[in-house]
Protein backbone atom coordinates (compact mmCIF):
# COMPACT_ATOMS: atom_id res chain seq x y z
CA MET A 1 5.85 77.50 3.18
CA ASN A 2 5.12 75.39 6.22
CA CYS A 3 7.53 72.46 6.26
CA ASN A 4 6.30 70.68 9.35
CA ILE A 5 5.66 67.12 8.21
CA PRO A 6 3.51 64.93 10.45
CA LEU A 7 5.68 62.26 12.01
CA PHE A 8 3.30 59.47 11.06
CA LEU A 9 3.55 60.43 7.36
CA ALA A 10 7.35 60.44 7.49
CA ASN A 11 7.34 57.05 9.21
CA LEU A 12 4.76 55.72 6.74
CA MET A 13 6.85 56.85 3.76
CA ALA A 14 10.05 55.37 5.20
CA SER A 15 8.27 52.10 6.03
CA TYR A 16 6.82 51.88 2.52
CA CYS A 17 10.21 52.48 0.87
CA ILE A 18 11.98 49.94 3.08
CA ALA A 19 9.19 47.38 2.55
CA CYS A 20 9.49 47.79 -1.24
CA ILE A 21 13.25 47.29 -1.18
CA LEU A 22 13.00 44.27 1.12
CA TYR A 23 10.21 42.79 -1.01
CA LEU A 24 12.36 43.04 -4.12
CA LEU A 25 15.37 41.52 -2.34
CA ILE A 26 13.43 38.67 -0.71
CA THR A 27 11.53 37.70 -3.86
CA ARG A 28 14.78 37.61 -5.84
CA ILE A 29 16.73 35.66 -3.20
CA THR A 30 14.04 33.06 -2.39
CA ASN A 31 13.26 32.46 -6.07
CA ILE A 32 9.52 32.00 -5.48
CA GLY A 33 8.93 31.77 -9.20
CA THR A 34 6.79 33.62 -11.66
CA PRO A 35 3.72 31.55 -12.59
CA PHE A 36 2.51 34.06 -15.17
CA ASN A 37 5.84 34.17 -17.01
CA ASP A 38 6.11 30.39 -16.79
CA ALA A 39 2.67 30.05 -18.43
CA LEU A 40 3.63 32.54 -21.14
CA LYS A 41 6.48 30.33 -22.31
CA LYS A 42 3.87 28.16 -24.02
CA TYR A 43 2.80 31.14 -26.17
CA PRO A 44 5.79 32.97 -27.69
CA GLU A 45 3.59 35.54 -29.44
CA LEU A 46 2.25 36.66 -26.07
CA ILE A 47 5.80 37.13 -24.81
CA LYS A 48 6.47 39.53 -27.69
CA ILE A 49 3.31 41.52 -26.84
CA LYS A 50 4.28 41.61 -23.16
CA ASN A 51 7.83 42.77 -23.96
CA LYS A 52 6.52 45.61 -26.13
CA SER A 53 4.22 46.70 -23.32
CA VAL A 54 7.06 46.52 -20.79
CA GLU A 55 9.23 48.69 -23.03
CA LYS A 56 6.51 51.30 -23.50
CA ARG A 57 5.74 51.48 -19.78
CA ARG A 58 9.44 51.70 -18.91
CA ASN A 59 9.95 54.54 -21.37
CA ILE A 60 6.94 56.44 -20.03
CA PHE A 61 8.18 56.05 -16.45
CA LEU A 62 11.73 57.12 -17.27
CA LEU A 63 10.52 60.12 -19.25
CA LEU A 64 8.26 61.23 -16.40
CA LEU A 65 11.06 60.69 -13.88
CA LEU A 66 13.45 62.82 -15.93
CA LEU A 67 10.79 65.50 -16.41
CA LEU A 68 10.02 65.62 -12.68
CA ILE A 69 13.71 65.79 -11.77
CA CYS A 70 14.07 68.77 -14.11
CA ILE A 71 10.96 70.43 -12.65
CA MET A 72 12.16 69.88 -9.08
CA TYR A 73 15.61 71.22 -9.93
CA THR A 74 14.17 74.26 -11.72
CA PHE A 75 11.54 75.28 -9.17
CA SER A 76 13.22 73.91 -5.98
CA PRO A 77 9.96 73.65 -4.05
CA PHE A 78 11.63 72.61 -0.79
CA ASP A 79 14.34 75.28 -0.60
CA GLU A 80 12.38 77.13 2.05
CA CYS A 81 12.50 74.07 4.28
CA ILE A 82 16.21 74.55 4.87
CA ALA A 83 16.57 77.15 7.57
CA THR A 84 19.69 79.21 8.01
CA GLU A 85 21.76 79.02 11.17
CA THR A 86 20.05 82.09 12.67
CA GLU A 87 16.47 81.48 11.59
CA SER A 88 14.20 78.51 12.00
CA PHE A 89 10.56 77.79 11.43
CA GLU A 90 8.18 77.99 14.35
CA GLY A 91 7.76 74.59 15.89
CA SER A 92 10.13 72.89 13.47
CA PRO A 93 12.66 70.47 14.91
CA ASP A 94 16.39 71.11 14.80
CA ILE A 95 16.65 68.67 11.89
CA CYS A 96 16.36 71.60 9.45
CA ASN A 97 19.71 72.96 10.61
CA ARG A 98 21.32 69.54 10.52
CA ALA A 99 20.00 68.93 6.99
CA GLN A 100 21.51 72.21 5.86
CA ASP A 101 24.89 71.22 7.30
CA ILE A 102 24.78 67.90 5.48
CA PHE A 103 23.30 68.86 2.09
CA VAL A 104 24.15 72.53 1.53
CA VAL A 105 27.70 73.58 0.75
CA THR A 106 28.43 77.07 2.00
CA ASN A 107 31.55 79.03 1.15
């Protein structure tokens, strides 16, 4: 398994994750409002429909997340990315060895 990840993809993923977290924080702190939810207050029956949909979507997401965590734990697709102290992948940076020191407990 070749574990060399292009640097631009790693940076893109990190930027996306940080932007999502900052977006959530900023929109909560600045209280920019929720025009859709404000308009729904006039129609209580629509709020019930929306809440049912939110619950279904949340349950689907949580079920898929749990399933994927179990699959990742069972198959461990990235185990080969952690090199031992004596071996390393061709062209891979030293980060593999540092990741092993941080995340893998050896006796």
